[in-house]
Structures are given as structure tokens and as C-alpha cells.
């Protein structure tokens, strides 16, 4: 049986491709910039993005 809300929820196709200027480092368990620094240390990135939330694990890392 489907949940009630799924009978009415319609997903939108995303036409926008977004590239993040950081990646998740599984060993360090945090998002890092191309030069290896933690993404949370880049103030300009945080001001522009508002967060550096990763999609890995529980999303409770200190840089979320």
C-alpha cells in the first residue's frame, strides 16, 4: 500500500546541473576543498552556499 501523500506527490525533473566546489573525504569524514582544506574554512563558500552539507552518512558532521 502506498502512503497517502505519494498519490499526489509529483517530482519535477531537474534541468539544472550544480557542481559543488568541494567533495566528501570519506577518510576524514568531512567536505574538503580541492586543495585539501576543510570546506567549512572557506568563508566565501559558506556565505554563497549557506552550508556544506554532505550526502554521506548521517549528515551530522561538524561542517554541515
N, C-alpha and C. Protein backbone atom coordinates (compact mmCIF):
# COMPACT_ATOMS: atom_id res chain seq x y z
N UNK A 1 0.84 -1.17 0.00
CA UNK A 1 0.00 0.00 0.00
C UNK A 1 0.89 1.25 0.00
N UNK A 2 0.57 2.20 -0.86
CA UNK A 2 1.34 3.45 -0.94
C UNK A 2 0.88 4.43 0.12
N UNK A 3 1.82 5.19 0.69
CA UNK A 3 1.42 6.25 1.61
C UNK A 3 0.54 7.27 0.88
N UNK A 4 -0.41 7.83 1.57
CA UNK A 4 -1.38 8.77 1.00
C UNK A 4 -0.72 9.89 0.21
N UNK A 5 0.32 10.49 0.78
CA UNK A 5 0.94 11.65 0.12
C UNK A 5 1.58 11.29 -1.21
N UNK A 6 2.02 10.05 -1.37
CA UNK A 6 2.64 9.67 -2.64
C UNK A 6 1.64 9.59 -3.77
N UNK A 7 0.36 9.51 -3.46
CA UNK A 7 -0.65 9.53 -4.51
C UNK A 7 -0.73 10.89 -5.17
N UNK A 8 -0.27 11.93 -4.50
CA UNK A 8 -0.39 13.29 -5.00
C UNK A 8 0.96 13.97 -5.24
N UNK A 9 2.02 13.39 -4.77
CA UNK A 9 3.35 13.99 -4.94
C UNK A 9 3.84 13.74 -6.36
N UNK A 10 4.28 14.80 -7.00
CA UNK A 10 4.81 14.69 -8.35
C UNK A 10 6.19 15.33 -8.35
N UNK A 11 7.17 14.55 -8.72
CA UNK A 11 8.53 15.08 -8.77
C UNK A 11 8.75 15.91 -10.01
N UNK A 12 9.61 16.90 -9.88
CA UNK A 12 9.97 17.73 -11.03
C UNK A 12 11.30 17.24 -11.58
N UNK A 13 11.39 17.23 -12.87
CA UNK A 13 12.66 16.87 -13.49
C UNK A 13 13.61 18.06 -13.32
N UNK A 14 14.79 17.78 -12.86
CA UNK A 14 15.77 18.83 -12.66
C UNK A 14 16.52 19.08 -13.96
N UNK A 15 16.53 20.32 -14.39
CA UNK A 15 17.27 20.68 -15.60
C UNK A 15 18.55 21.43 -15.26
N UNK A 16 18.75 21.67 -13.99
CA UNK A 16 19.92 22.42 -13.56
C UNK A 16 20.97 21.47 -13.01
N UNK A 17 22.17 21.58 -13.51
CA UNK A 17 23.28 20.80 -13.00
C UNK A 17 24.11 21.70 -12.10
N UNK A 18 24.32 21.26 -10.89
CA UNK A 18 25.06 22.06 -9.92
C UNK A 18 26.35 21.33 -9.57
N UNK A 19 27.44 22.04 -9.66
CA UNK A 19 28.72 21.49 -9.26
C UNK A 19 29.17 22.17 -7.98
N UNK A 20 29.49 21.38 -6.99
CA UNK A 20 29.96 21.96 -5.73
C UNK A 20 31.48 22.09 -5.77
N UNK A 21 32.00 23.16 -5.19
CA UNK A 21 33.44 23.37 -5.20
C UNK A 21 34.16 22.59 -4.09
N UNK A 22 33.52 21.57 -3.58
CA UNK A 22 34.12 20.72 -2.55
C UNK A 22 33.68 19.28 -2.79
N UNK A 23 34.35 18.35 -2.11
CA UNK A 23 33.99 16.94 -2.22
C UNK A 23 34.03 16.32 -0.83
N UNK A 24 33.38 15.18 -0.68
CA UNK A 24 33.38 14.50 0.61
C UNK A 24 34.60 13.61 0.71
N UNK A 25 35.37 13.77 1.76
CA UNK A 25 36.53 12.93 2.03
C UNK A 25 36.11 11.87 3.04
N UNK A 26 35.98 10.64 2.58
CA UNK A 26 35.49 9.55 3.43
C UNK A 26 36.45 9.23 4.57
N UNK A 27 37.73 9.40 4.35
CA UNK A 27 38.71 9.11 5.40
C UNK A 27 38.60 10.12 6.53
N UNK A 28 38.51 11.39 6.19
CA UNK A 28 38.43 12.45 7.20
C UNK A 28 37.00 12.71 7.66
N UNK A 29 36.02 12.15 6.92
CA UNK A 29 34.61 12.31 7.25
C UNK A 29 34.17 13.77 7.26
N UNK A 30 34.62 14.52 6.24
CA UNK A 30 34.19 15.91 6.10
C UNK A 30 34.36 16.36 4.66
N UNK A 31 33.75 17.46 4.33
CA UNK A 31 33.85 18.03 2.99
C UNK A 31 35.13 18.83 2.88
N UNK A 32 35.86 18.64 1.79
CA UNK A 32 37.13 19.32 1.60
C UNK A 32 37.14 20.05 0.27
N UNK A 33 37.93 21.11 0.22
CA UNK A 33 38.15 21.89 -0.99
C UNK A 33 39.17 21.17 -1.86
N UNK A 34 39.32 21.58 -3.12
CA UNK A 34 40.30 20.92 -3.99
C UNK A 34 41.73 20.92 -3.43
N UNK A 35 42.08 21.93 -2.62
CA UNK A 35 43.44 21.97 -2.06
C UNK A 35 43.57 21.17 -0.77
N UNK A 36 42.50 20.49 -0.33
CA UNK A 36 42.56 19.63 0.84
C UNK A 36 42.09 20.26 2.14
N UNK A 37 41.87 21.59 2.14
CA UNK A 37 41.38 22.24 3.35
C UNK A 37 39.92 21.87 3.59
N UNK A 38 39.48 21.81 4.86
CA UNK A 38 38.06 21.59 5.13
C UNK A 38 37.22 22.69 4.50
N UNK A 39 36.12 22.31 3.86
CA UNK A 39 35.27 23.29 3.18
C UNK A 39 34.72 24.33 4.13
N UNK A 40 34.55 23.97 5.38
CA UNK A 40 33.99 24.90 6.35
C UNK A 40 34.92 26.08 6.63
N UNK A 41 36.18 25.99 6.24
CA UNK A 41 37.12 27.09 6.47
C UNK A 41 37.04 28.16 5.39
N UNK A 42 36.31 27.92 4.32
CA UNK A 42 36.19 28.89 3.24
C UNK A 42 34.97 29.77 3.48
N UNK A 43 35.20 30.95 4.02
CA UNK A 43 34.09 31.85 4.38
C UNK A 43 33.26 32.27 3.18
N UNK A 44 33.92 32.51 2.05
CA UNK A 44 33.19 32.91 0.84
C UNK A 44 32.25 31.79 0.38
N UNK A 45 32.70 30.56 0.47
CA UNK A 45 31.86 29.42 0.10
C UNK A 45 30.66 29.32 1.03
N UNK A 46 30.88 29.46 2.33
CA UNK A 46 29.78 29.38 3.28
C UNK A 46 28.79 30.52 3.09
N UNK A 47 29.27 31.71 2.77
CA UNK A 47 28.37 32.83 2.52
C UNK A 47 27.54 32.59 1.27
N UNK A 48 28.15 32.00 0.24
CA UNK A 48 27.44 31.75 -1.01
C UNK A 48 26.48 30.57 -0.91
N UNK A 49 26.92 29.51 -0.26
CA UNK A 49 26.12 28.28 -0.23
C UNK A 49 25.27 28.16 1.02
N UNK A 50 25.69 28.76 2.10
CA UNK A 50 24.94 28.67 3.35
C UNK A 50 25.26 27.43 4.16
N UNK A 51 25.82 26.42 3.51
CA UNK A 51 26.15 25.17 4.19
C UNK A 51 27.06 24.34 3.29
N UNK A 52 27.68 23.35 3.86
CA UNK A 52 28.45 22.39 3.07
C UNK A 52 27.96 21.00 3.40
N UNK A 53 26.66 20.83 3.49
CA UNK A 53 26.09 19.54 3.87
C UNK A 53 26.46 18.46 2.88
N UNK A 54 26.93 17.36 3.39
CA UNK A 54 27.24 16.23 2.54
C UNK A 54 26.05 15.28 2.49
N UNK A 55 26.08 14.38 1.55
CA UNK A 55 25.02 13.37 1.47
C UNK A 55 25.52 12.04 1.99
N UNK A 56 26.65 12.05 2.64
CA UNK A 56 27.22 10.82 3.15
C UNK A 56 26.85 10.60 4.61
N UNK A 57 26.57 9.38 4.94
CA UNK A 57 26.33 9.01 6.33
C UNK A 57 25.15 9.71 6.94
N UNK A 58 25.30 10.06 8.19
CA UNK A 58 24.19 10.61 8.97
C UNK A 58 24.00 12.10 8.81
N UNK A 59 24.89 12.76 8.08
CA UNK A 59 24.86 14.20 7.89
C UNK A 59 24.94 14.96 9.21
N UNK A 60 25.70 14.44 10.14
CA UNK A 60 25.87 15.11 11.43
C UNK A 60 27.32 15.54 11.60
N UNK A 61 28.03 15.71 10.51
CA UNK A 61 29.43 16.12 10.59
C UNK A 61 29.50 17.58 11.03
N UNK A 62 30.62 17.98 11.62
CA UNK A 62 30.74 19.34 12.15
C UNK A 62 30.70 20.39 11.05
N UNK A 63 30.90 20.01 9.78
CA UNK A 63 30.91 21.01 8.71
C UNK A 63 29.56 21.13 8.02
N UNK A 64 28.52 20.52 8.56
CA UNK A 64 27.19 20.61 7.94
C UNK A 64 26.58 21.97 8.18
